Amino acid sequence: MHIGILSRNPKLYSTRRLKESAISRGHTVEIIDCLKCFINITANEPTIHYKSQKKKQMQLKFDAVIPRIGASITDYGCAVLRQFEVSETYTLNQSVAITRSRDKLRAHQLLARKGVQIPLTSYAHASNATDELIDFVGGAPLIVKTIQSTHGKGVVLAENAKMATGVINAFRNLDADFLVQEFIREANGSDIRCFVVDDKVVAAMERKAQEGEFRSNLHLGGRATEVKLKPEERQLALKAARVMGLEVAGVDIIRSARGPLVLEVNSSPGLEGIETTTGKDVATHIISYIEKAKERSPHRGREKG
């Protein structure tokens, strides 16, 4: 197969590993910066073109596309990905699944609708609803996070009611969309990243926040160890990925007194932390899945819209 990887940086660990794995299995690979793509929207022959500083303009044609679209370019990246879908190119993770997972409000609404257990969550725009938002999640301490937060950025712990009121009002004054969520104290600053490929959890790690920090993200100094999932945790992770419509996902869950809860479903989970921690070749799991998916449906396109 000729595989395209939509990534702005070919030196990123995840991008490199996917390319190496694909080449080792006999495929050819091109890494494409989606911001340098432009598209021709026509009824008869929709096309995607690419022009970088080093290359002349060329039309892109792939057997399969792997999206590694950063959160800051979700809209344009998904527009390019949709164009591949319209031209009936196989894409790993649909654009609609990526956009729904990136919108934390929409994602939580979909998960809750399908019975996936999540922390108590509230959302409002009216400035006079601050007390209600706090009450809905059981009071302080609580978490306030922006809808588009990533890597723990835009996430604040309010330890008491006065601080919660101040944080909520500050977010509102910035005209930022945000969620208010219960704080799971018994998790003790840890969560579990479940890496899902083809409706299977192929690797899992527990991330523990550094002392004095409540966010367990490795980017913020968290430590990771391989973890054995409980059956209910594995099933919850798989269900969350299915609800989002993602074929590859990083599902973050937290252990609470009432059982596992889904914190987030990531449509472009990084490979470095999970592979380094578990020693598992997740990149090859992904390429192998693409091979099987193409073999099952060699001419399958995606949603036309």
Protein backbone atom coordinates (compact mmCIF):
# COMPACT_ATOMS: atom_id res chain seq x y z
CA MET A 1 0.00 0.00 0.00
CA HIS A 2 0.90 3.64 -0.43
CA ILE A 3 0.16 5.25 2.93
CA GLY A 4 -0.08 8.95 3.74
CA ILE A 5 0.48 10.20 7.29
CA LEU A 6 -1.04 13.61 7.99
CA SER A 7 1.47 15.10 10.41
CA ARG A 8 3.00 18.55 10.73
CA ASN A 9 6.30 17.20 12.06
CA PRO A 10 8.00 14.12 10.59
CA LYS A 11 10.39 14.02 13.56
CA LEU A 12 7.68 13.35 16.14
CA TYR A 13 8.02 9.96 17.80
CA SER A 14 4.54 8.77 16.79
CA THR A 15 4.99 9.83 13.17
CA ARG A 16 8.41 8.18 12.93
CA ARG A 17 7.23 4.93 14.48
CA LEU A 18 4.23 4.64 12.19
CA LYS A 19 6.42 5.29 9.15
CA GLU A 20 9.07 2.78 10.28
CA SER A 21 6.48 0.11 10.97
CA ALA A 22 4.72 0.61 7.63
CA ILE A 23 8.00 0.46 5.69
CA SER A 24 9.10 -2.66 7.56
CA ARG A 25 5.89 -4.34 6.40
CA GLY A 26 6.55 -3.47 2.74
CA HIS A 27 4.50 -0.30 2.33
CA THR A 28 5.54 3.08 0.96
CA VAL A 29 4.91 6.14 3.10
CA GLU A 30 4.66 9.89 2.64
CA ILE A 31 4.36 12.35 5.52
CA ILE A 32 2.13 15.26 4.61
CA ASP A 33 1.64 18.57 6.42
CA CYS A 34 -2.10 19.06 6.07
CA LEU A 35 -1.74 22.86 6.34
CA LYS A 36 0.14 22.74 3.03
CA CYS A 37 -2.71 20.86 1.35
CA PHE A 38 -5.37 22.53 -0.76
CA ILE A 39 -8.46 20.89 -2.13
CA ASN A 40 -10.54 21.01 -5.28
CA ILE A 41 -14.20 20.52 -4.41
CA THR A 42 -16.00 19.27 -7.51
CA ALA A 43 -18.91 16.91 -8.05
CA ASN A 44 -17.15 14.56 -10.44
CA GLU A 45 -13.52 14.38 -9.32
CA PRO A 46 -12.70 15.77 -5.86
CA THR A 47 -8.94 16.05 -5.40
CA ILE A 48 -6.34 16.96 -2.79
CA HIS A 49 -3.17 18.81 -3.74
CA TYR A 50 0.03 19.51 -1.85
CA LYS A 51 2.76 22.09 -2.21
CA SER A 52 5.71 22.41 0.13
CA GLN A 53 8.77 24.64 -0.12
CA LYS A 54 10.89 21.79 -1.46
CA LYS A 55 8.36 20.20 -3.81
CA LYS A 56 6.30 21.37 -6.73
CA GLN A 57 2.53 21.15 -6.53
CA MET A 58 1.30 17.55 -6.75
CA GLN A 59 -1.97 15.71 -6.46
CA LEU A 60 -2.15 13.35 -3.50
CA LYS A 61 -3.36 9.80 -3.96
CA PHE A 62 -3.04 7.17 -1.25
CA ASP A 63 -4.41 3.73 -0.51
CA ALA A 64 -4.79 4.69 3.14
CA VAL A 65 -4.38 7.82 5.25
CA ILE A 66 -3.38 7.98 8.92
CA PRO A 67 -4.45 11.28 10.52
CA ARG A 68 -2.14 12.69 13.18
CA ILE A 69 -3.95 16.02 13.42
CA GLY A 70 -3.04 18.31 16.31
CA ALA A 71 -5.79 19.92 18.36
CA SER A 72 -4.83 23.44 17.21
CA ILE A 73 -5.56 22.58 13.55
CA THR A 74 -8.56 20.29 14.02
CA ASP A 75 -10.88 22.22 11.70
CA TYR A 76 -8.56 22.47 8.70
CA GLY A 77 -7.02 19.05 9.27
CA CYS A 78 -10.45 17.42 9.31
CA ALA A 79 -11.47 19.35 6.19
CA VAL A 80 -8.50 17.81 4.37
CA LEU A 81 -9.31 14.39 5.82
CA ARG A 82 -12.94 14.70 4.67
CA GLN A 83 -11.71 15.34 1.16
CA PHE A 84 -9.85 12.04 1.24
CA GLU A 85 -13.03 10.39 2.51
CA VAL A 86 -15.08 11.94 -0.32
CA SER A 87 -12.54 10.62 -2.83
CA GLU A 88 -13.05 7.13 -1.30
CA THR A 89 -9.61 6.82 0.26
CA TYR A 90 -9.50 4.66 3.37
CA THR A 91 -8.84 6.84 6.43
CA LEU A 92 -7.93 5.53 9.86
CA ASN A 93 -10.45 7.32 12.10
CA GLN A 94 -13.14 9.33 10.36
CA SER A 95 -13.13 13.12 10.41
CA VAL A 96 -16.54 13.15 12.12
CA ALA A 97 -15.21 10.88 14.89
CA ILE A 98 -12.17 13.12 15.40
CA THR A 99 -14.24 16.31 15.63
CA ARG A 100 -16.72 14.81 18.09
CA SER A 101 -13.92 13.53 20.34
CA ARG A 102 -12.14 16.91 20.29
CA ASP A 103 -15.27 18.73 21.49
CA LYS A 104 -15.31 17.73 25.16
CA LEU A 105 -18.91 18.84 25.68
CA ARG A 106 -20.19 16.85 22.72
CA ALA A 107 -18.07 13.85 23.67
CA HIS A 108 -19.39 13.81 27.23
CA GLN A 109 -22.98 14.15 26.01
CA LEU A 110 -22.55 11.21 23.62
CA LEU A 111 -20.85 9.05 26.24
CA ALA A 112 -23.54 9.79 28.82
CA ARG A 113 -26.30 9.10 26.29
CA LYS A 114 -24.87 5.64 25.62
CA GLY A 115 -24.50 4.79 29.31
CA VAL A 116 -20.71 5.20 29.52
CA GLN A 117 -19.89 6.20 33.10
CA ILE A 118 -18.18 9.61 33.40
CA PRO A 119 -17.51 12.02 36.27
CA LEU A 120 -20.42 14.32 37.17
CA THR A 121 -20.23 17.17 34.66
CA SER A 122 -22.05 20.50 34.21
CA TYR A 123 -22.01 23.23 31.58
CA ALA A 124 -23.68 26.61 31.23
CA HIS A 125 -23.24 30.01 29.65
CA ALA A 126 -25.37 32.24 31.90
CA SER A 127 -23.31 34.23 34.40
CA ASN A 128 -25.89 33.72 37.15
CA ALA A 129 -25.60 29.91 37.08
CA THR A 130 -22.28 29.61 38.94
CA ASP A 131 -23.79 28.21 42.14
CA GLU A 132 -25.84 25.67 40.17
CA LEU A 133 -22.79 24.48 38.22
CA ILE A 134 -20.96 23.87 41.49
CA ASP A 135 -23.93 22.12 43.11
CA PHE A 136 -24.50 19.82 40.11
CA VAL A 137 -21.07 18.21 40.57
CA GLY A 138 -21.36 17.85 44.34
CA GLY A 139 -19.53 21.01 45.35
CA ALA A 140 -15.81 21.74 45.74
CA PRO A 141 -13.20 20.51 45.25
CA LEU A 142 -13.95 20.38 41.53
CA ILE A 143 -12.30 20.63 38.13
CA VAL A 144 -12.85 23.41 35.60
CA LYS A 145 -11.60 22.70 32.08
CA THR A 146 -11.92 24.41 28.72
CA ILE A 147 -13.76 22.53 25.99
CA GLN A 148 -10.61 22.35 23.85
CA SER A 149 -8.07 21.57 26.60
CA THR A 150 -5.22 19.17 25.73
CA HIS A 151 -2.20 17.73 27.60
CA GLY A 152 -3.65 19.06 30.86
CA LYS A 153 -3.59 22.69 29.67
CA GLY A 154 -6.72 24.70 30.40
CA VAL A 155 -7.55 22.44 33.38
CA VAL A 156 -7.81 23.95 36.88
CA LEU A 157 -8.48 22.38 40.28
CA ALA A 158 -10.64 24.55 42.54
CA GLU A 159 -10.16 23.30 46.08
CA ASN A 160 -12.99 25.23 47.78
CA ALA A 161 -16.25 26.98 46.88
CA LYS A 162 -14.75 30.47 46.87
CA MET A 163 -11.96 29.42 44.51
CA ALA A 164 -14.44 27.53 42.32
CA THR A 165 -16.60 30.64 41.97
CA GLY A 166 -13.55 32.73 41.08
CA VAL A 167 -12.25 30.25 38.49
CA ILE A 168 -15.65 29.84 36.83
CA ASN A 169 -16.16 33.61 36.65
CA ALA A 170 -12.63 34.09 35.28
CA PHE A 171 -13.21 31.53 32.53
CA ARG A 172 -16.54 33.17 31.71
CA ASN A 173 -14.96 36.65 31.55
CA LEU A 174 -12.51 35.27 29.01
CA ASP A 175 -15.53 34.14 26.96
CA ALA A 176 -14.16 30.57 27.09
CA ASP A 177 -16.40 27.52 26.79
CA PHE A 178 -15.76 25.26 29.75
CA LEU A 179 -16.98 22.29 31.75
CA VAL A 180 -17.24 21.92 35.51
CA GLN A 181 -16.52 18.39 36.70
CA GLU A 182 -16.36 16.53 40.00
CA PHE A 183 -12.94 15.89 41.48
CA ILE A 184 -12.28 12.18 42.13
CA ARG A 185 -10.18 12.44 45.27
CA GLU A 186 -9.72 8.68 45.72
CA ALA A 187 -7.91 8.44 42.36
CA ASN A 188 -5.01 10.15 44.14
CA GLY A 189 -3.71 11.93 41.03
CA SER A 190 -3.62 8.88 38.76
CA ASP A 191 -5.45 7.70 35.68
CA ILE A 192 -5.15 4.89 33.14
CA ARG A 193 -4.51 5.28 29.41
CA CYS A 194 -6.03 2.41 27.44
CA PHE A 195 -4.77 2.19 23.86
CA VAL A 196 -7.53 0.78 21.66
CA VAL A 197 -6.95 -0.61 18.17
CA ASP A 198 -9.63 -2.52 16.25
CA ASP A 199 -11.92 -2.95 19.26
CA LYS A 200 -9.09 -4.37 21.38
CA VAL A 201 -7.02 -2.80 24.17
CA VAL A 202 -3.51 -3.51 22.89
CA ALA A 203 -1.67 -1.73 25.74
CA ALA A 204 -2.44 0.09 28.97
CA MET A 205 -0.47 2.23 31.40
CA GLU A 206 -1.21 3.93 34.68
CA ARG A 207 -0.08 7.55 34.90
CA LYS A 208 0.67 9.10 38.29
CA ALA A 209 0.94 12.85 38.82
CA GLN A 210 4.08 14.25 40.37
CA GLU A 211 3.81 15.43 43.97
CA GLY A 212 1.80 18.63 44.33
CA GLU A 213 0.10 18.16 40.93
CA PHE A 214 -3.35 16.69 40.24
CA ARG A 215 -2.87 16.22 36.48
CA SER A 216 -1.24 12.93 35.50
CA ASN A 217 -0.18 13.93 31.98
CA LEU A 218 3.32 12.79 31.08
CA HIS A 219 3.90 16.20 29.45
CA LEU A 220 3.52 17.69 32.94
CA GLY A 221 5.99 15.38 34.64
CA GLY A 222 3.69 12.45 35.42
CA ARG A 223 5.18 8.95 35.76
CA ALA A 224 3.85 5.89 33.97
CA THR A 225 3.89 2.16 34.68
CA GLU A 226 2.31 -0.74 32.84
CA VAL A 227 -1.00 -1.78 34.41
CA LYS A 228 -3.24 -4.82 34.25
CA LEU A 229 -6.80 -3.78 33.53
CA LYS A 230 -9.80 -5.13 35.35
CA PRO A 231 -12.42 -6.66 33.01
CA GLU A 232 -14.86 -3.80 33.63
CA GLU A 233 -12.15 -1.24 32.82
CA ARG A 234 -11.31 -2.96 29.56
CA GLN A 235 -14.98 -3.13 28.53
CA LEU A 236 -15.53 0.51 29.45
CA ALA A 237 -12.57 1.63 27.32
CA LEU A 238 -13.81 -0.38 24.33
CA LYS A 239 -17.34 0.96 24.67
CA ALA A 240 -16.11 4.55 24.84
CA ALA A 241 -14.06 4.14 21.64
CA ARG A 242 -17.09 2.59 19.90
CA VAL A 243 -19.37 5.44 20.98
CA MET A 244 -16.92 7.95 19.50
CA GLY A 245 -16.65 5.88 16.31
CA LEU A 246 -12.86 5.63 16.60
CA GLU A 247 -10.89 2.67 15.26
CA VAL A 248 -7.77 3.82 17.12
CA ALA A 249 -8.15 5.70 20.39
CA GLY A 250 -6.51 6.52 23.67
CA VAL A 251 -9.20 6.16 26.32
CA ASP A 252 -8.37 7.73 29.66
CA ILE A 253 -10.20 6.25 32.63
CA ILE A 254 -10.05 6.91 36.36
CA ARG A 255 -10.72 4.55 39.25
CA SER A 256 -13.40 5.90 41.56
CA ALA A 257 -15.30 4.56 44.57
CA ARG A 258 -18.25 3.81 42.27
CA GLY A 259 -16.17 2.08 39.59
CA PRO A 260 -14.16 3.16 36.54
CA LEU A 261 -15.09 6.44 34.84
CA VAL A 262 -14.08 7.75 31.41
CA LEU A 263 -12.25 11.08 31.51
CA GLU A 264 -11.49 11.51 27.81
CA VAL A 265 -11.28 9.74 24.47
CA ASN A 266 -8.27 10.84 22.41
CA SER A 267 -8.43 10.42 18.62
CA SER A 268 -4.66 10.90 18.05
CA PRO A 269 -3.05 9.22 21.06
CA GLY A 270 0.72 9.49 21.25
CA LEU A 271 2.82 6.35 20.94
CA GLU A 272 5.96 7.32 22.85
CA GLY A 273 4.61 7.00 26.39
CA ILE A 274 2.65 3.81 25.82
CA GLU A 275 5.39 2.01 23.85
CA THR A 276 8.17 3.09 26.20
CA THR A 277 6.21 2.13 29.29
CA THR A 278 4.79 -1.20 28.14
CA GLY A 279 7.44 -2.31 25.63
CA LYS A 280 4.66 -3.15 23.17
CA ASP A 281 4.86 -2.38 19.45
CA VAL A 282 1.66 -0.37 19.18
CA ALA A 283 2.66 1.14 15.82
CA THR A 284 2.69 -2.31 14.22
CA HIS A 285 -0.73 -3.08 15.71
CA ILE A 286 -2.03 0.01 13.90
CA ILE A 287 -0.43 -0.81 10.53
CA SER A 288 -1.58 -4.43 10.79
CA TYR A 289 -5.13 -3.24 11.43
CA ILE A 290 -5.05 -1.00 8.34
CA GLU A 291 -3.93 -3.98 6.27
CA LYS A 292 -6.82 -6.10 7.54
CA ALA A 293 -9.33 -3.29 7.09
CA LYS A 294 -8.24 -2.74 3.49
CA GLU A 295 -8.36 -6.48 2.78
CA ARG A 296 -11.91 -6.72 4.13
CA SER A 297 -13.15 -3.72 2.17
CA PRO A 298 -10.61 -2.81 -0.53
CA HIS A 299 -12.81 -0.13 -2.12
CA ARG A 300 -14.46 1.19 1.02
CA GLY A 301 -14.81 4.93 1.22
CA ARG A 302 -16.00 6.97 4.14
CA GLU A 303 -18.85 9.28 4.94
CA LYS A 304 -19.61 11.53 2.00
CA GLY A 305 -20.08 14.72 3.97
